[in-house]
Amino acid sequence: MGDRPVYSCRCHVFRIDATTKKTWIPAADGPVQVSFFFDPSKRAYRVVSIDSGKPVINSTIVAGMTFSRTAQKFGQWSDQRANTVYGVGFNNEEELTKFADQFEEAKEVVARDTLSPVGSPPPLDASDNNEPRVRALSPSPVVEQQQQSFSRANASLDSETSKIRTSGSIEKDAPEHNRNSSSENGIDSLIENLRIDNDRLKTSLNQSQNNIKKWEVELHTLRTNNSRLQSALQENSRNVEEWKCQLLQYRDENAKLRARNEELEIEIDNINRSGTHSPKVSKKSAKSSLKSEEVERVKQILEKVTAELVEVKEENMRLKSQLRQSDDRNGMGKQAYENSMVCQLQADMELRLRELVDMNRKLLTYVRKT
């Protein structure tokens, strides 16, 4: 009976560099078909892969072999007869797990056959009395084609294997050296992964430190703007208090002017009734002097109020621009409340100033009429 396929998969195949014993060399240009073959006559398993008629893997599984999973999707084993280390890479972890399970199962069957006495039958499967327990797998067209290619290349592979066995170039400690090299390769790959992770962590840490510095600068800027707004709010509050005091003064002066006007009118009426004309005071002179004095005083008050109103408008525009800038830079609830309070105070101040101007205008009109 010839070799029969029991398991087949598709993966990337590598071989260890014979010179350095540390680097992997691709055995094919891309993923190839890798199969497990069982020879019932020899009770032996082989891992075989052929790419374009060229043998890529021809490894006979023996009891001392060990399949090592050095990465999440990569595994390797050392072949003493071929004096090399094979590596296989899969697209996902499940395929690697199936390959490793098949390798261990084949190794256990070979080990049982090796430990069994001569002439004793090997472990049999309930479905076949002449073959060991293998996975039920219907041969696919790809596997059949590979089996034909394997049978064509089997003679050359056997001759190469016999040459390697009888050449004497393989050292006695080759299996141990291959295991050590495979372990070193696994450790090197692990160290390389750790270095990559360490570099990523360093980059993330540097970015975090830079972001912290930027945030500290922004926080300092926000605190500075907040202090400026608070000082502007306090200054505006003081200005409102001053304007309130000035408004009260203007009201007192207006009341005094009205009282003085009433006194003068009473005095003029008394003079007209008595029919006496004082050299110092006459009706015409009193009225003219009263009008001139009041008009001059009202003009001064009006000019003062107008100048203050211009200053208030300029201050109002400046505060509004500062409030817009502060609203653009931070949307804090407290500052929004303070800004609304400032706007309300400014509106009240403008309303009171307008009332004062209207009152002064009325006073000027009244003086002109009298």
Foldseek 3Di string as FASTA:
>chain_A
DDKDWQDKDKWWKWWADPPPLADTDTLDPGIWMWTWIADLVVRWIWIWTADPLHTSGTAIAELPKDWADLDQFKIKIDGLLVLIIMMTGDPGNVVVVVVRVQSVVRSVQNVQVVPDDPPDQGDPDPVDRRHHDGHDDDDDPVNVVVVVSCVVCVVVVVVVSVCSVPVPPRDPCSNVVSVVSVVVNSVVVVVVVVVVVVVVVVVVVVVVVVVVVVVVVLVVVLVVLVVVLVVLLVVLVVVLVVLVVVLVVLVVVVVVLVVVVVVLVVVQVVCVVVVDDDPVDHDVVSLVVSLVVQLVVLVVVLVVLVVVLVVLVVSVVVLVVSLVVSCVSDVDPVSVVSSVVSVVSSVVSNVSSVVSNVVSVVSNVVSVVD
